[in-house]
Structures are given as C-alpha cells and as structure tokens.
Protein backbone atom coordinates (compact mmCIF):
# COMPACT_ATOMS: atom_id res chain seq x y z
CA MET A 1 21.28 -7.23 -4.66
CA LYS A 2 24.37 -5.09 -4.03
CA SER A 3 24.43 -5.95 -0.33
CA TRP A 4 22.11 -7.59 2.17
CA PRO A 5 19.52 -5.02 3.36
CA GLU A 6 19.26 -3.62 6.85
CA VAL A 7 15.87 -2.00 6.24
CA LEU A 8 12.70 -3.05 4.46
CA THR A 9 10.56 -0.09 3.38
CA PHE A 10 6.91 -0.95 2.75
CA ASP A 11 4.04 0.43 0.81
CA VAL A 12 1.10 -0.05 3.19
CA VAL A 13 -2.29 0.19 1.46
CA GLY A 14 -2.54 -2.66 -1.03
CA THR A 15 0.64 -4.39 0.14
CA LEU A 16 0.01 -4.88 3.85
CA ILE A 17 -3.61 -3.72 4.06
CA ASP A 18 -6.38 -5.29 1.96
CA PHE A 19 -8.01 -2.04 0.88
CA GLU A 20 -9.90 -3.64 -1.99
CA SER A 21 -11.85 -5.91 0.36
CA GLY A 22 -12.25 -3.04 2.81
CA MET A 23 -13.93 -0.83 0.23
CA VAL A 24 -16.12 -3.58 -1.20
CA ASP A 25 -17.24 -4.70 2.26
CA PHE A 26 -18.21 -1.11 3.14
CA ILE A 27 -20.24 -0.63 -0.04
CA ARG A 28 -22.07 -3.92 0.40
CA ALA A 29 -22.84 -3.15 4.05
CA HIS A 30 -23.98 0.48 3.66
CA CYS A 31 -25.36 0.95 0.16
CA GLY A 32 -28.44 -1.23 0.11
CA PRO A 33 -29.45 -3.64 -2.66
CA ALA A 34 -27.31 -1.85 -5.28
CA GLY A 35 -24.24 -2.23 -3.10
CA GLN A 36 -24.92 -5.89 -2.40
CA ALA A 37 -25.45 -6.63 -6.10
CA MET A 38 -22.33 -4.74 -7.21
CA ASP A 39 -19.73 -6.68 -9.18
CA ARG A 40 -16.49 -6.60 -7.20
CA GLU A 41 -14.00 -6.44 -10.07
CA ALA A 42 -16.03 -3.88 -12.02
CA PHE A 43 -16.21 -1.69 -8.92
CA LEU A 44 -12.47 -1.95 -8.22
CA ALA A 45 -11.56 -1.07 -11.81
CA ALA A 46 -13.94 1.91 -11.70
CA TYR A 47 -12.41 3.05 -8.42
CA GLY A 48 -8.94 3.10 -9.97
CA ALA A 49 -10.18 5.09 -12.96
CA ALA A 50 -12.13 7.52 -10.76
CA HIS A 51 -8.96 8.84 -9.15
CA ASP A 52 -8.17 10.72 -12.36
CA ARG A 53 -11.38 12.73 -11.82
CA ALA A 54 -11.21 13.17 -8.05
CA GLY A 55 -9.27 16.43 -7.83
CA THR A 56 -6.29 17.17 -5.62
CA LEU A 57 -7.41 15.97 -2.19
CA LEU A 58 -5.01 13.67 -0.33
CA PHE A 59 -5.82 10.02 0.31
CA PRO A 60 -8.15 8.97 1.84
CA ASP A 61 -9.98 12.32 1.80
CA ASP A 62 -10.11 11.92 -1.98
CA MET A 63 -12.41 8.95 -1.49
CA VAL A 64 -15.31 11.37 -0.88
CA PRO A 65 -15.45 12.65 -4.49
CA VAL A 66 -14.49 9.19 -5.73
CA TYR A 67 -17.55 7.76 -3.99
CA HIS A 68 -19.83 10.25 -5.75
CA ILE A 69 -18.34 9.25 -9.11
CA LEU A 70 -18.88 5.58 -8.32
CA ALA A 71 -22.41 6.23 -7.05
CA GLU A 72 -23.36 7.48 -10.50
CA GLN A 73 -21.88 4.40 -12.17
CA PHE A 74 -23.30 1.76 -9.83
CA ASP A 75 -26.56 3.44 -8.78
CA LEU A 76 -25.41 3.74 -5.16
CA PRO A 77 -27.05 6.20 -2.72
CA ARG A 78 -26.21 9.84 -3.54
CA ASP A 79 -25.50 10.62 0.08
CA ASN A 80 -22.76 12.93 1.42
CA GLY A 81 -22.82 11.14 4.75
CA ILE A 82 -22.11 7.78 3.14
CA ALA A 83 -19.41 9.34 0.98
CA ARG A 84 -17.65 10.74 4.04
CA ALA A 85 -18.07 7.47 5.95
CA PHE A 86 -16.54 5.65 2.95
CA ALA A 87 -13.40 7.76 3.37
CA LEU A 88 -13.33 7.56 7.17
CA ASP A 89 -13.62 3.79 7.06
CA ALA A 90 -10.13 3.62 5.53
CA ARG A 91 -8.65 3.74 9.03
CA ASN A 92 -10.52 0.49 9.80
CA TRP A 93 -9.32 -1.58 6.82
CA LYS A 94 -7.80 -4.90 7.81
CA PRO A 95 -4.45 -6.46 6.94
CA PHE A 96 -4.18 -9.36 4.53
CA PRO A 97 -4.38 -12.63 6.49
CA ASP A 98 -0.61 -13.25 6.26
CA THR A 99 0.57 -9.70 6.97
CA VAL A 100 0.90 -9.39 10.74
CA ALA A 101 2.66 -12.71 11.27
CA ALA A 102 4.98 -12.09 8.31
CA LEU A 103 5.96 -8.64 9.62
CA LYS A 104 6.81 -10.15 13.00
CA ARG A 105 9.09 -12.66 11.28
CA LEU A 106 10.72 -10.02 9.10
CA SER A 107 11.33 -7.76 12.09
CA LYS A 108 13.72 -10.39 13.46
CA HIS A 109 16.04 -9.70 10.53
CA PHE A 110 15.39 -6.09 9.51
CA LYS A 111 14.21 -2.67 10.59
CA LEU A 112 10.76 -2.11 9.06
CA VAL A 113 9.70 1.29 7.70
CA ALA A 114 6.30 2.33 6.37
CA MET A 115 6.09 4.60 3.29
CA THR A 116 2.45 5.43 2.65
CA ASN A 117 0.44 7.87 0.57
CA CYS A 118 -2.12 7.67 3.38
CA GLN A 119 -2.61 10.66 5.68
CA ARG A 120 -1.51 10.23 9.29
CA TRP A 121 -5.07 10.32 10.68
CA ALA A 122 -5.95 7.17 8.77
CA PHE A 123 -2.55 5.51 8.99
CA THR A 124 -2.74 5.57 12.79
CA GLY A 125 -5.64 3.12 12.65
CA LEU A 126 -3.93 0.94 10.06
CA GLU A 127 -0.71 0.81 12.06
CA LYS A 128 -2.65 -0.37 15.10
CA SER A 129 -4.20 -3.20 13.07
CA LEU A 130 -0.65 -4.15 11.99
CA ASP A 131 0.43 -4.35 15.66
CA HIS A 132 2.86 -1.39 15.43
CA PRO A 133 5.74 -3.18 13.67
CA PHE A 134 7.62 -0.15 12.30
CA PHE A 135 10.97 1.39 13.17
CA ASP A 136 9.80 4.56 11.41
CA THR A 137 6.72 5.69 9.48
CA ILE A 138 6.54 8.23 6.65
CA THR A 139 3.12 9.40 5.50
CA VAL A 140 2.04 11.85 2.83
CA ASP A 141 1.82 14.47 5.61
CA ASP A 142 5.55 14.07 6.26
CA ALA A 143 6.83 13.85 2.69
CA LEU A 144 4.38 16.49 1.35
CA CYS A 145 4.03 14.51 -1.87
CA GLU A 146 2.67 11.17 -3.02
CA LYS A 147 4.38 8.20 -4.58
CA PRO A 148 5.35 7.78 -7.39
CA ASP A 149 6.91 11.23 -6.88
CA PRO A 150 10.66 10.55 -6.42
CA GLU A 151 10.68 13.21 -3.70
CA PHE A 152 8.83 10.78 -1.43
CA PHE A 153 11.72 8.33 -1.72
CA ALA A 154 14.27 11.12 -1.32
CA PHE A 155 12.55 12.31 1.86
CA THR A 156 12.56 8.79 3.28
CA ARG A 157 16.19 8.23 2.39
CA GLY A 158 17.14 11.50 4.05
CA ARG A 159 15.29 10.57 7.22
CA LEU A 160 16.87 7.13 7.38
CA SER A 161 20.31 8.64 6.84
CA ARG A 162 20.07 10.02 10.37
CA ASP A 163 20.57 6.43 11.50
CA GLY A 164 23.38 5.78 9.05
CA ILE A 165 21.16 3.82 6.64
CA VAL A 166 22.13 4.25 2.98
CA LYS A 167 20.17 3.34 -0.14
CA ASP A 168 22.14 0.15 -0.80
CA LYS A 169 20.91 -1.17 2.56
CA ILE A 170 17.22 -0.68 1.69
CA LEU A 171 14.86 -3.17 0.05
CA HIS A 172 11.57 -1.57 -1.01
CA VAL A 173 8.56 -3.91 -0.78
CA ALA A 174 5.31 -3.04 -2.54
CA GLN A 175 2.34 -4.24 -4.52
CA SER A 176 1.88 -1.34 -6.94
CA GLN A 177 3.96 -1.29 -10.08
CA PHE A 178 2.71 2.25 -10.74
CA HIS A 179 3.25 3.87 -7.34
CA ASP A 180 6.30 1.98 -6.12
CA ILE A 181 8.10 -0.69 -8.08
CA GLY A 182 8.78 1.28 -11.28
CA ILE A 183 9.98 4.49 -9.65
CA ALA A 184 11.98 2.70 -6.94
CA ARG A 185 13.83 0.66 -9.57
CA GLU A 186 14.40 3.82 -11.64
CA MET A 187 15.98 5.45 -8.58
CA GLY A 188 18.34 2.54 -8.04
CA TYR A 189 16.60 0.72 -5.19
CA CYS A 190 16.48 -3.02 -4.81
CA VAL A 191 12.78 -3.89 -5.03
CA CYS A 192 10.43 -6.72 -4.05
CA TRP A 193 7.06 -6.99 -5.79
CA ILE A 194 4.31 -8.54 -3.68
CA GLU A 195 1.80 -9.38 -6.40
CA ARG A 196 -1.33 -9.52 -4.27
CA ARG A 197 -3.56 -10.00 -7.32
CA GLN A 198 -1.56 -12.87 -8.77
CA GLY A 199 -3.90 -15.09 -10.78
CA LEU A 200 -6.53 -12.35 -11.16
CA GLU A 201 -7.14 -10.34 -14.32
CA GLY A 202 -6.48 -6.60 -14.41
CA TYR A 203 -5.07 -4.24 -11.80
CA GLY A 204 -8.09 -4.05 -9.51
CA ALA A 205 -8.26 -0.70 -7.71
CA THR A 206 -4.61 0.14 -8.43
CA ILE A 207 -3.61 2.45 -11.28
CA ALA A 208 -2.09 0.44 -14.13
CA ALA A 209 1.57 1.01 -14.95
CA GLU A 210 2.41 1.70 -18.58
CA GLU A 211 4.77 -1.26 -18.45
CA ALA A 212 5.75 -3.77 -15.78
CA THR A 213 9.12 -3.43 -14.06
CA MET A 214 11.14 -6.56 -13.38
CA PRO A 215 11.77 -6.70 -9.61
CA ASP A 216 14.71 -8.23 -7.77
CA TYR A 217 12.26 -10.39 -5.83
CA HIS A 218 8.73 -11.43 -6.73
CA PHE A 219 6.25 -13.15 -4.40
CA ALA A 220 2.48 -13.51 -4.25
CA THR A 221 2.29 -12.93 -0.49
CA LEU A 222 4.28 -11.33 2.30
CA ALA A 223 4.50 -14.74 3.96
CA GLU A 224 6.51 -15.96 0.97
CA LEU A 225 8.95 -13.08 1.42
CA ALA A 226 9.25 -13.93 5.12
CA ASP A 227 9.92 -17.58 4.24
CA PHE A 228 12.69 -16.51 1.88
CA MET A 229 14.28 -14.20 4.43
CA ASP A 230 14.08 -16.80 7.20
CA GLU A 231 15.97 -19.20 4.96
CA ASN A 232 18.53 -16.75 3.60
CA ALA A 233 19.08 -13.82 5.97
CA PRO A 234 22.54 -13.76 7.56
CA VAL A 235 22.50 -14.66 11.24
CA ALA A 236 24.10 -11.30 12.10
CA ALA A 237 21.79 -9.21 9.92
CA MET A 238 20.31 -7.40 12.92
CA ALA A 239 23.41 -7.44 15.11
C-alpha cells in the first residue's frame, strides 16, 4: 500500500449484503414445490448466466426478465407478479452476519463509502439494514454506468476529491473479481478481496472473471478485515 487509507469504498451487493441467500429464500418461499426443491448452487449459477440474456435494464429491475429465464429452467411459476416481486424484494435483502458490526468497527478508523450497481430505490432499503454507516453513497443512478466500467470509479474519485481525498488514500473493498477487484487494480487502486464464497466451488451468482486478480488484502469475511484494521490502523488515522 502506497499510504494508509483514509477511505474504504465498498461494493455492497455480494460484499456487505447476502444477495444469494436473499434470492434463494424468496424463490423457496414464493414458488411452491419447485422453488422448495430447487438446488441452491445450480440456481445461483443459472442466475449469473441469465444476466447475459436479460437486456439493458438496471439492477435490480433486470431481475424481472432474469426471473422469467430462470422460471423456464427450474419449472417455477410463469407469473409476472412473482417476477416483479422477485426484483422488489432486493431492497429487503439482509447483510451477512458479520457485516454491520464490522462496518461499525471500520468506521472508527476510516470514512466509509458505498459504490453500488444497485439503483437508489433499492439501495435505500439496503442502507437501512446496514444501519446507515456511509460517509457518501454512489449508486448506478449517480454514476450513470455500472461497474466494471472505469467511469464508475472515475465518478466516485471525482466526488471524493471535493473533500480532498485522492486515489492513494482509498482502499476498495469488494467480493466480485469481475465487477470490482480486476478493474480497480487496473486503475491503480489498492484493493481488498472479501472472498465470501471461500471454500465453495464456482462463482455462485456472480459473473466469473476471465482470470483472478491478486489483491493487496484477502479475507474471507468483513470481520477479518476489521480485525486486521483494529490491529494495524494508526491511532491518528481518523484525526
């Protein structure tokens, strides 16, 4: 790391929010016997692949056509109401068990900033579940593009520059190699990979990167990152 960070920027869905469990729980609760019998890992892999066929809607609106694709594959109800409810339920997804406490600990050392491909209408619910930990929040509605587009990072950097925060003072924290870690490293950011699926096969519902990027920091949970920062952050980091 070139210098100790002042700001941690976070991917939200998949890093802080357990969207995989959120989707699976919805399907099992609302899609009858087929939903209850559905294989979790097969469904998650199919969800990731379905995004390539879902058109140009923004997340989570794009979950409506994704649901219809998945309904064909898993014999789920062909129901527009369920498809829309599947998308709307994104605002109710819950954090990983360690997330909220870890963010509180990290906020003692750093300013925390959300960088999410989620639209603001859904992010508002997610931010509430996270107990509003952020110094600033950038959604797809603000950046007008989605990660891994480098313009998302450029927009965020420009906004943070208003507070005198430069790139060398930012550590980007994320789960997705495809959406975050690879492009952030390419753009010269210090990066921390939270490998939420450590020990599991495949990429789950996340798009697979063509090749893995070596991060500056690598943990299985956000709590592990918080432990590391508690032990190593300079006393005056937030002075």
